[in-house]
PDB file of N, CA and C in Angstrom:
ATOM      1  N   MET A   1     -65.439 147.941 -34.741  1.00  0.00           N
ATOM      2  CA  MET A   1     -64.726 149.047 -35.347  1.00  0.00           C
ATOM      3  C   MET A   1     -63.285 148.607 -35.594  1.00  0.00           C
ATOM      4  N   VAL A   2     -62.824 148.804 -36.779  1.00  0.00           N
ATOM      5  CA  VAL A   2     -61.460 148.443 -37.134  1.00  0.00           C
ATOM      6  C   VAL A   2     -60.728 149.714 -37.510  1.00  0.00           C
ATOM      7  N   GLY A   3     -59.518 149.848 -37.031  1.00  0.00           N
ATOM      8  CA  GLY A   3     -58.730 151.035 -37.345  1.00  0.00           C
ATOM      9  C   GLY A   3     -57.261 150.695 -37.344  1.00  0.00           C
ATOM     10  N   ARG A   4     -56.454 151.697 -37.602  1.00  0.00           N
ATOM     11  CA  ARG A   4     -55.013 151.506 -37.591  1.00  0.00           C
ATOM     12  C   ARG A   4     -54.448 152.296 -36.437  1.00  0.00           C
ATOM     13  N   SER A   5     -53.491 151.688 -35.769  1.00  0.00           N
ATOM     14  CA  SER A   5     -52.823 152.338 -34.659  1.00  0.00           C
ATOM     15  C   SER A   5     -51.371 152.549 -35.033  1.00  0.00           C
ATOM     16  N   SER A   6     -50.897 153.752 -34.850  1.00  0.00           N
ATOM     17  CA  SER A   6     -49.505 154.030 -35.143  1.00  0.00           C
ATOM     18  C   SER A   6     -48.888 154.643 -33.899  1.00  0.00           C
ATOM     19  N   ARG A   7     -48.183 153.813 -33.157  1.00  0.00           N
ATOM     20  CA  ARG A   7     -47.524 154.302 -31.951  1.00  0.00           C
ATOM     21  C   ARG A   7     -46.118 154.736 -32.302  1.00  0.00           C
ATOM     22  N   GLY A   8     -45.698 155.836 -31.748  1.00  0.00           N
ATOM     23  CA  GLY A   8     -44.326 156.280 -31.955  1.00  0.00           C
ATOM     24  C   GLY A   8     -44.035 156.700 -33.384  1.00  0.00           C
ATOM     25  N   GLY A   9     -45.053 157.154 -34.084  1.00  0.00           N
ATOM     26  CA  GLY A   9     -44.840 157.635 -35.441  1.00  0.00           C
ATOM     27  C   GLY A   9     -44.513 156.538 -36.429  1.00  0.00           C
ATOM     28  N   GLY A  10     -44.846 155.291 -36.110  1.00  0.00           N
ATOM     29  CA  GLY A  10     -44.605 154.182 -37.021  1.00  0.00           C
ATOM     30  C   GLY A  10     -43.190 153.652 -36.952  1.00  0.00           C
ATOM     31  N   GLN A  11     -42.401 154.117 -36.010  1.00  0.00           N
ATOM     32  CA  GLN A  11     -41.028 153.649 -35.886  1.00  0.00           C
ATOM     33  C   GLN A  11     -40.886 152.813 -34.626  1.00  0.00           C
ATOM     34  N   THR A  12     -40.057 151.818 -34.690  1.00  0.00           N
ATOM     35  CA  THR A  12     -39.810 150.991 -33.518  1.00  0.00           C
ATOM     36  C   THR A  12     -38.355 150.576 -33.496  1.00  0.00           C
ATOM     37  N   ASN A  13     -37.869 150.362 -32.301  1.00  0.00           N
ATOM     38  CA  ASN A  13     -36.487 149.938 -32.158  1.00  0.00           C
ATOM     39  C   ASN A  13     -36.376 148.446 -31.883  1.00  0.00           C
ATOM     40  N   SER A  14     -37.509 147.775 -31.584  1.00  0.00           N
ATOM     41  CA  SER A  14     -37.440 146.359 -31.252  1.00  0.00           C
ATOM     42  C   SER A  14     -37.679 145.520 -32.500  1.00  0.00           C
ATOM     43  N   PRO A  15     -36.843 144.504 -32.733  1.00  0.00           N
ATOM     44  CA  PRO A  15     -37.017 143.663 -33.919  1.00  0.00           C
ATOM     45  C   PRO A  15     -38.294 142.833 -33.814  1.00  0.00           C
ATOM     46  N   GLY A  16     -38.967 142.629 -34.931  1.00  0.00           N
ATOM     47  CA  GLY A  16     -40.175 141.819 -34.963  1.00  0.00           C
ATOM     48  C   GLY A  16     -41.413 142.539 -34.462  1.00  0.00           C
ATOM     49  N   HIS A  17     -41.313 143.804 -34.139  1.00  0.00           N
ATOM     50  CA  HIS A  17     -42.454 144.559 -33.630  1.00  0.00           C
ATOM     51  C   HIS A  17     -42.895 145.551 -34.682  1.00  0.00           C
ATOM     52  N   ASN A  18     -44.131 145.490 -35.071  1.00  0.00           N
ATOM     53  CA  ASN A  18     -44.659 146.400 -36.078  1.00  0.00           C
ATOM     54  C   ASN A  18     -45.487 147.460 -35.375  1.00  0.00           C
ATOM     55  N   ALA A  19     -45.069 148.692 -35.420  1.00  0.00           N
ATOM     56  CA  ALA A  19     -45.773 149.774 -34.740  1.00  0.00           C
ATOM     57  C   ALA A  19     -47.093 150.091 -35.416  1.00  0.00           C
ATOM     58  N   ASP A  20     -47.221 149.828 -36.732  1.00  0.00           N
ATOM     59  CA  ASP A  20     -48.491 150.030 -37.419  1.00  0.00           C
ATOM     60  C   ASP A  20     -49.281 148.730 -37.319  1.00  0.00           C
ATOM     61  N   GLN A  21     -50.218 148.676 -36.360  1.00  0.00           N
ATOM     62  CA  GLN A  21     -50.975 147.448 -36.105  1.00  0.00           C
ATOM     63  C   GLN A  21     -52.446 147.665 -36.394  1.00  0.00           C
ATOM     64  N   GLN A  22     -53.119 146.593 -36.764  1.00  0.00           N
ATOM     65  CA  GLN A  22     -54.570 146.632 -36.889  1.00  0.00           C
ATOM     66  C   GLN A  22     -55.163 146.554 -35.480  1.00  0.00           C
ATOM     67  N   VAL A  23     -56.135 147.379 -35.201  1.00  0.00           N
ATOM     68  CA  VAL A  23     -56.769 147.404 -33.885  1.00  0.00           C
ATOM     69  C   VAL A  23     -58.249 147.116 -34.065  1.00  0.00           C
ATOM     70  N   VAL A  24     -58.770 146.187 -33.288  1.00  0.00           N
ATOM     71  CA  VAL A  24     -60.190 145.858 -33.326  1.00  0.00           C
ATOM     72  C   VAL A  24     -60.773 146.176 -31.962  1.00  0.00           C
ATOM     73  N   ALA A  25     -61.737 147.062 -31.948  1.00  0.00           N
ATOM     74  CA  ALA A  25     -62.408 147.422 -30.696  1.00  0.00           C
ATOM     75  C   ALA A  25     -63.795 146.798 -30.692  1.00  0.00           C
ATOM     76  N   THR A  26     -64.131 146.137 -29.608  1.00  0.00           N
ATOM     77  CA  THR A  26     -65.455 145.552 -29.491  1.00  0.00           C
ATOM     78  C   THR A  26     -66.160 146.150 -28.291  1.00  0.00           C
ATOM     79  N   ALA A  27     -67.452 146.287 -28.408  1.00  0.00           N
ATOM     80  CA  ALA A  27     -68.246 146.805 -27.304  1.00  0.00           C
ATOM     81  C   ALA A  27     -68.653 145.643 -26.416  1.00  0.00           C
ATOM     82  N   SER A  28     -68.457 145.803 -25.119  1.00  0.00           N
ATOM     83  CA  SER A  28     -68.885 144.770 -24.181  1.00  0.00           C
ATOM     84  C   SER A  28     -69.448 145.443 -22.940  1.00  0.00           C
ATOM     85  N   ALA A  29     -70.323 144.730 -22.271  1.00  0.00           N
ATOM     86  CA  ALA A  29     -70.940 145.266 -21.068  1.00  0.00           C
ATOM     87  C   ALA A  29     -71.180 144.123 -20.097  1.00  0.00           C
ATOM     88  N   VAL A  30     -71.270 144.449 -18.842  1.00  0.00           N
ATOM     89  CA  VAL A  30     -71.569 143.471 -17.811  1.00  0.00           C
ATOM     90  C   VAL A  30     -73.074 143.484 -17.593  1.00  0.00           C
ATOM     91  N   ARG A  31     -73.677 142.319 -17.646  1.00  0.00           N
ATOM     92  CA  ARG A  31     -75.117 142.213 -17.468  1.00  0.00           C
ATOM     93  C   ARG A  31     -75.440 141.967 -16.008  1.00  0.00           C
ATOM     94  N   ARG A  32     -76.420 142.655 -15.499  1.00  0.00           N
ATOM     95  CA  ARG A  32     -76.860 142.488 -14.113  1.00  0.00           C
ATOM     96  C   ARG A  32     -77.745 141.253 -14.013  1.00  0.00           C
ATOM     97  N   LEU A  33     -77.577 140.484 -12.940  1.00  0.00           N
ATOM     98  CA  LEU A  33     -78.437 139.319 -12.723  1.00  0.00           C
ATOM     99  C   LEU A  33     -79.847 139.783 -12.412  1.00  0.00           C
ATOM    100  N   THR A  34     -80.833 139.033 -12.885  1.00  0.00           N
ATOM    101  CA  THR A  34     -82.218 139.343 -12.554  1.00  0.00           C
ATOM    102  C   THR A  34     -82.520 138.799 -11.161  1.00  0.00           C
ATOM    103  N   PRO A  35     -83.578 139.308 -10.514  1.00  0.00           N
ATOM    104  CA  PRO A  35     -83.946 138.748  -9.213  1.00  0.00           C
ATOM    105  C   PRO A  35     -84.209 137.239  -9.275  1.00  0.00           C
ATOM    106  N   ARG A  36     -84.804 136.771 -10.364  1.00  0.00           N
ATOM    107  CA  ARG A  36     -85.070 135.333 -10.504  1.00  0.00           C
ATOM    108  C   ARG A  36     -83.770 134.541 -10.541  1.00  0.00           C
ATOM    109  N   GLU A  37     -82.762 135.046 -11.260  1.00  0.00           N
ATOM    110  CA  GLU A  37     -81.466 134.368 -11.305  1.00  0.00           C
ATOM    111  C   GLU A  37     -80.810 134.358  -9.926  1.00  0.00           C
ATOM    112  N   CYS A  38     -80.938 135.453  -9.192  1.00  0.00           N
ATOM    113  CA  CYS A  38     -80.393 135.512  -7.829  1.00  0.00           C
ATOM    114  C   CYS A  38     -81.096 134.509  -6.923  1.00  0.00           C
ATOM    115  N   GLU A  39     -82.417 134.388  -7.070  1.00  0.00           N
ATOM    116  CA  GLU A  39     -83.168 133.407  -6.275  1.00  0.00           C
ATOM    117  C   GLU A  39     -82.685 131.998  -6.572  1.00  0.00           C
ATOM    118  N   ARG A  40     -82.465 131.704  -7.831  1.00  0.00           N
ATOM    119  CA  ARG A  40     -81.993 130.365  -8.205  1.00  0.00           C
ATOM    120  C   ARG A  40     -80.608 130.095  -7.633  1.00  0.00           C
ATOM    121  N   LEU A  41     -79.724 131.092  -7.674  1.00  0.00           N
ATOM    122  CA  LEU A  41     -78.378 130.914  -7.117  1.00  0.00           C
ATOM    123  C   LEU A  41     -78.421 130.690  -5.614  1.00  0.00           C
ATOM    124  N   GLN A  42     -79.385 131.288  -4.939  1.00  0.00           N
ATOM    125  CA  GLN A  42     -79.512 131.154  -3.492  1.00  0.00           C
ATOM    126  C   GLN A  42     -80.262 129.879  -3.096  1.00  0.00           C
ATOM    127  N   GLY A  43     -80.868 129.198  -4.058  1.00  0.00           N
ATOM    128  CA  GLY A  43     -81.585 127.966  -3.753  1.00  0.00           C
ATOM    129  C   GLY A  43     -83.064 128.163  -3.464  1.00  0.00           C
ATOM    130  N   PHE A  44     -83.588 129.348  -3.769  1.00  0.00           N
ATOM    131  CA  PHE A  44     -85.011 129.618  -3.561  1.00  0.00           C
ATOM    132  C   PHE A  44     -85.797 129.267  -4.819  1.00  0.00           C
ATOM    133  N   PRO A  45     -87.105 129.005  -4.680  1.00  0.00           N
ATOM    134  CA  PRO A  45     -87.930 128.791  -5.880  1.00  0.00           C
ATOM    135  C   PRO A  45     -88.029 130.084  -6.699  1.00  0.00           C
ATOM    136  N   ASP A  46     -88.347 129.947  -7.979  1.00  0.00           N
ATOM    137  CA  ASP A  46     -88.535 131.129  -8.830  1.00  0.00           C
ATOM    138  C   ASP A  46     -89.604 132.045  -8.238  1.00  0.00           C
ATOM    139  N   ASP A  47     -89.353 133.335  -8.312  1.00  0.00           N
ATOM    140  CA  ASP A  47     -90.270 134.387  -7.854  1.00  0.00           C
ATOM    141  C   ASP A  47     -90.612 134.297  -6.366  1.00  0.00           C
ATOM    142  N   TYR A  48     -89.725 133.717  -5.580  1.00  0.00           N
ATOM    143  CA  TYR A  48     -89.930 133.585  -4.141  1.00  0.00           C
ATOM    144  C   TYR A  48     -90.044 134.953  -3.466  1.00  0.00           C
ATOM    145  N   THR A  49     -89.294 135.925  -3.958  1.00  0.00           N
ATOM    146  CA  THR A  49     -89.321 137.256  -3.342  1.00  0.00           C
ATOM    147  C   THR A  49     -90.331 138.193  -3.994  1.00  0.00           C
ATOM    148  N   MET A  50     -91.060 137.716  -5.001  1.00  0.00           N
ATOM    149  CA  MET A  50     -92.052 138.570  -5.655  1.00  0.00           C
ATOM    150  C   MET A  50     -93.360 138.525  -4.858  1.00  0.00           C
ATOM    151  N   VAL A  51     -93.372 139.260  -3.764  1.00  0.00           N
ATOM    152  CA  VAL A  51     -94.550 139.318  -2.907  1.00  0.00           C
ATOM    153  C   VAL A  51     -95.297 140.612  -3.202  1.00  0.00           C
ATOM    154  N   PRO A  52     -96.607 140.630  -3.010  1.00  0.00           N
ATOM    155  CA  PRO A  52     -97.344 141.871  -3.277  1.00  0.00           C
ATOM    156  C   PRO A  52     -96.983 142.955  -2.253  1.00  0.00           C
ATOM    157  N   HIS A  53     -96.855 144.172  -2.755  1.00  0.00           N
ATOM    158  CA  HIS A  53     -96.568 145.329  -1.899  1.00  0.00           C
ATOM    159  C   HIS A  53     -97.508 146.448  -2.328  1.00  0.00           C
ATOM    160  N   ARG A  54     -98.424 146.790  -1.451  1.00  0.00           N
ATOM    161  CA  ARG A  54     -99.439 147.814  -1.743  1.00  0.00           C
ATOM    162  C   ARG A  54    -100.237 147.474  -2.997  1.00  0.00           C
ATOM    163  N   GLY A  55    -100.565 146.197  -3.139  1.00  0.00           N
ATOM    164  CA  GLY A  55    -101.391 145.745  -4.250  1.00  0.00           C
ATOM    165  C   GLY A  55    -100.659 145.552  -5.570  1.00  0.00           C
ATOM    166  N   LYS A  56     -99.345 145.778  -5.606  1.00  0.00           N
ATOM    167  CA  LYS A  56     -98.550 145.603  -6.825  1.00  0.00           C
ATOM    168  C   LYS A  56     -97.414 144.623  -6.548  1.00  0.00           C
ATOM    169  N   PRO A  57     -96.872 144.016  -7.599  1.00  0.00           N
ATOM    170  CA  PRO A  57     -95.686 143.173  -7.384  1.00  0.00           C
ATOM    171  C   PRO A  57     -94.525 144.027  -6.866  1.00  0.00           C
ATOM    172  N   MET A  58     -93.703 143.450  -6.015  1.00  0.00           N
ATOM    173  CA  MET A  58     -92.590 144.192  -5.431  1.00  0.00           C
ATOM    174  C   MET A  58     -91.581 144.583  -6.511  1.00  0.00           C
ATOM    175  N   ALA A  59     -91.010 145.769  -6.391  1.00  0.00           N
ATOM    176  CA  ALA A  59     -89.985 146.248  -7.329  1.00  0.00           C
ATOM    177  C   ALA A  59     -88.712 145.409  -7.160  1.00  0.00           C
ATOM    178  N   ASP A  60     -87.822 145.505  -8.135  1.00  0.00           N
ATOM    179  CA  ASP A  60     -86.594 144.707  -8.108  1.00  0.00           C
ATOM    180  C   ASP A  60     -85.655 145.109  -6.979  1.00  0.00           C
ATOM    181  N   GLY A  61     -85.551 146.393  -6.661  1.00  0.00           N
ATOM    182  CA  GLY A  61     -84.624 146.862  -5.626  1.00  0.00           C
ATOM    183  C   GLY A  61     -84.813 146.168  -4.289  1.00  0.00           C
ATOM    184  N   PRO A  62     -86.023 146.173  -3.735  1.00  0.00           N
ATOM    185  CA  PRO A  62     -86.242 145.467  -2.471  1.00  0.00           C
ATOM    186  C   PRO A  62     -86.025 143.953  -2.570  1.00  0.00           C
ATOM    187  N   ARG A  63     -86.280 143.398  -3.758  1.00  0.00           N
ATOM    188  CA  ARG A  63     -86.033 141.958  -3.941  1.00  0.00           C
ATOM    189  C   ARG A  63     -84.544 141.658  -3.855  1.00  0.00           C
ATOM    190  N   TYR A  64     -83.709 142.495  -4.506  1.00  0.00           N
ATOM    191  CA  TYR A  64     -82.252 142.324  -4.417  1.00  0.00           C
ATOM    192  C   TYR A  64     -81.807 142.455  -2.959  1.00  0.00           C
ATOM    193  N   LYS A  65     -82.373 143.417  -2.249  1.00  0.00           N
ATOM    194  CA  LYS A  65     -81.983 143.634  -0.850  1.00  0.00           C
ATOM    195  C   LYS A  65     -82.358 142.424   0.000  1.00  0.00           C
ATOM    196  N   ALA A  66     -83.574 141.892  -0.198  1.00  0.00           N
ATOM    197  CA  ALA A  66     -84.004 140.721   0.561  1.00  0.00           C
ATOM    198  C   ALA A  66     -83.093 139.526   0.282  1.00  0.00           C
ATOM    199  N   LEU A  67     -82.716 139.346  -0.974  1.00  0.00           N
ATOM    200  CA  LEU A  67     -81.830 138.237  -1.321  1.00  0.00           C
ATOM    201  C   LEU A  67     -80.430 138.446  -0.770  1.00  0.00           C
ATOM    202  N   GLY A  68     -79.989 139.695  -0.732  1.00  0.00           N
ATOM    203  CA  GLY A  68     -78.674 139.990  -0.178  1.00  0.00           C
ATOM    204  C   GLY A  68     -78.611 139.768   1.317  1.00  0.00           C
ATOM    205  N   ASN A  69     -79.740 139.900   1.995  1.00  0.00           N
ATOM    206  CA  ASN A  69     -79.800 139.698   3.443  1.00  0.00           C
ATOM    207  C   ASN A  69     -80.112 138.256   3.816  1.00  0.00           C
ATOM    208  N   SER A  70     -80.305 137.391   2.822  1.00  0.00           N
ATOM    209  CA  SER A  70     -80.654 136.001   3.104  1.00  0.00           C
ATOM    210  C   SER A  70     -79.422 135.117   3.079  1.00  0.00           C
ATOM    211  N   MET A  71     -79.631 133.871   3.426  1.00  0.00           N
ATOM    212  CA  MET A  71     -78.564 132.874   3.372  1.00  0.00           C
ATOM    213  C   MET A  71     -78.983 131.788   2.385  1.00  0.00           C
ATOM    214  N   ALA A  72     -78.030 131.243   1.674  1.00  0.00           N
ATOM    215  CA  ALA A  72     -78.329 130.239   0.657  1.00  0.00           C
ATOM    216  C   ALA A  72     -78.914 128.988   1.307  1.00  0.00           C
ATOM    217  N   VAL A  73     -80.020 128.511   0.775  1.00  0.00           N
ATOM    218  CA  VAL A  73     -80.738 127.360   1.332  1.00  0.00           C
ATOM    219  C   VAL A  73     -79.861 126.105   1.388  1.00  0.00           C
ATOM    220  N   PRO A  74     -79.141 125.742   0.312  1.00  0.00           N
ATOM    221  CA  PRO A  74     -78.317 124.526   0.397  1.00  0.00           C
ATOM    222  C   PRO A  74     -77.229 124.621   1.464  1.00  0.00           C
ATOM    223  N   VAL A  75     -76.663 125.792   1.649  1.00  0.00           N
ATOM    224  CA  VAL A  75     -75.616 125.961   2.657  1.00  0.00           C
ATOM    225  C   VAL A  75     -76.197 125.814   4.054  1.00  0.00           C
ATOM    226  N   MET A  76     -77.339 126.423   4.291  1.00  0.00           N
ATOM    227  CA  MET A  76     -77.977 126.323   5.616  1.00  0.00           C
ATOM    228  C   MET A  76     -78.402 124.881   5.903  1.00  0.00           C
ATOM    229  N   ARG A  77     -78.869 124.177   4.870  1.00  0.00           N
ATOM    230  CA  ARG A  77     -79.242 122.763   5.043  1.00  0.00           C
ATOM    231  C   ARG A  77     -78.009 121.949   5.436  1.00  0.00           C
ATOM    232  N   TRP A  78     -76.879 122.182   4.755  1.00  0.00           N
ATOM    233  CA  TRP A  78     -75.649 121.456   5.051  1.00  0.00           C
ATOM    234  C   TRP A  78     -75.187 121.742   6.478  1.00  0.00           C
ATOM    235  N   ILE A  79     -75.229 123.002   6.900  1.00  0.00           N
ATOM    236  CA  ILE A  79     -74.821 123.349   8.267  1.00  0.00           C
ATOM    237  C   ILE A  79     -75.716 122.638   9.280  1.00  0.00           C
ATOM    238  N   GLY A  80     -77.023 122.633   9.040  1.00  0.00           N
ATOM    239  CA  GLY A  80     -77.952 121.950   9.945  1.00  0.00           C
ATOM    240  C   GLY A  80     -77.676 120.463  10.031  1.00  0.00           C
ATOM    241  N   GLU A  81     -77.389 119.839   8.888  1.00  0.00           N
ATOM    242  CA  GLU A  81     -77.077 118.409   8.885  1.00  0.00           C
ATOM    243  C   GLU A  81     -75.784 118.121   9.633  1.00  0.00           C
ATOM    244  N   ARG A  82     -74.790 118.991   9.504  1.00  0.00           N
ATOM    245  CA  ARG A  82     -73.528 118.811  10.225  1.00  0.00           C
ATOM    246  C   ARG A  82     -73.722 118.956  11.730  1.00  0.00           C
ATOM    247  N   ILE A  83     -74.535 119.922  12.142  1.00  0.00           N
ATOM    248  CA  ILE A  83     -74.809 120.101  13.572  1.00  0.00           C
ATOM    249  C   ILE A  83     -75.498 118.851  14.117  1.00  0.00           C
ATOM    250  N   THR A  84     -76.474 118.334  13.367  1.00  0.00           N
ATOM    251  CA  THR A  84     -77.183 117.121  13.781  1.00  0.00           C
ATOM    252  C   THR A  84     -76.226 115.938  13.900  1.00  0.00           C
ATOM    253  N   ALA A  85     -75.311 115.801  12.951  1.00  0.00           N
ATOM    254  CA  ALA A  85     -74.352 114.693  12.971  1.00  0.00           C
ATOM    255  C   ALA A  85     -73.423 114.800  14.176  1.00  0.00           C
ATOM    256  N   VAL A  86     -72.952 115.994  14.489  1.00  0.00           N
ATOM    257  CA  VAL A  86     -72.047 116.178  15.629  1.00  0.00           C
ATOM    258  C   VAL A  86     -72.786 115.897  16.938  1.00  0.00           C
ATOM    259  N   GLU A  87     -74.006 116.362  17.044  1.00  0.00           N
ATOM    260  CA  GLU A  87     -74.789 116.100  18.262  1.00  0.00           C
ATOM    261  C   GLU A  87     -75.039 114.608  18.438  1.00  0.00           C
ATOM    262  N   ALA A  88     -75.295 113.893  17.334  1.00  0.00           N
ATOM    263  CA  ALA A  88     -75.505 112.442  17.404  1.00  0.00           C
ATOM    264  C   ALA A  88     -74.226 111.740  17.849  1.00  0.00           C
ATOM    265  N   MET A  89     -73.059 112.197  17.373  1.00  0.00           N
ATOM    266  CA  MET A  89     -71.780 111.619  17.797  1.00  0.00           C
ATOM    267  C   MET A  89     -71.562 111.835  19.289  1.00  0.00           C
ATOM    268  N   LYS A  90     -71.895 113.010  19.776  1.00  0.00           N
ATOM    269  CA  LYS A  90     -71.739 113.318  21.204  1.00  0.00           C
ATOM    270  C   LYS A  90     -72.620 112.409  22.055  1.00  0.00           C
ATOM    271  N   LEU A  91     -73.855 112.153  21.594  1.00  0.00           N
ATOM    272  CA  LEU A  91     -74.766 111.280  22.336  1.00  0.00           C
ATOM    273  C   LEU A  91     -74.246 109.845  22.350  1.00  0.00           C
ATOM    274  N   ARG A  92     -73.695 109.373  21.237  1.00  0.00           N
ATOM    275  CA  ARG A  92     -73.151 108.018  21.171  1.00  0.00           C
ATOM    276  C   ARG A  92     -71.938 107.872  22.079  1.00  0.00           C
ATOM    277  N   GLN A  93     -71.094 108.892  22.123  1.00  0.00           N
ATOM    278  CA  GLN A  93     -69.888 108.837  22.973  1.00  0.00           C
ATOM    279  C   GLN A  93     -70.265 108.905  24.444  1.00  0.00           C
ATOM    280  N   ALA A  94     -71.306 109.624  24.803  1.00  0.00           N
ATOM    281  CA  ALA A  94     -71.730 109.742  26.202  1.00  0.00           C
ATOM    282  C   ALA A  94     -72.383 108.444  26.693  1.00  0.00           C
ATOM    283  N   ALA A  95     -72.912 107.656  25.774  1.00  0.00           N
ATOM    284  CA  ALA A  95     -73.627 106.428  26.183  1.00  0.00           C
ATOM    285  C   ALA A  95     -72.696 105.276  26.413  1.00  0.00           C
TER     286      ALA A  95
END
């Protein structure tokens, strides 16, 4: 949508400022991530949370909740590897 904006009745006191300006309005919206995209961001395989519930595929709401209550797989793997490395250092120092 293109229109004209006239602020202050088309008068201005500042040099180089045109009160009659072209205005362009664009429609924009924020898109919600799909459960599959959330699974990928968390490091899970596609459709990992799509488990059957009462003979039907699970709705998106519970899938979002399950993903929100989970921990990202790559982060948990890194933490586990760091714990293993520190424990190995402790064993080497004790020997």
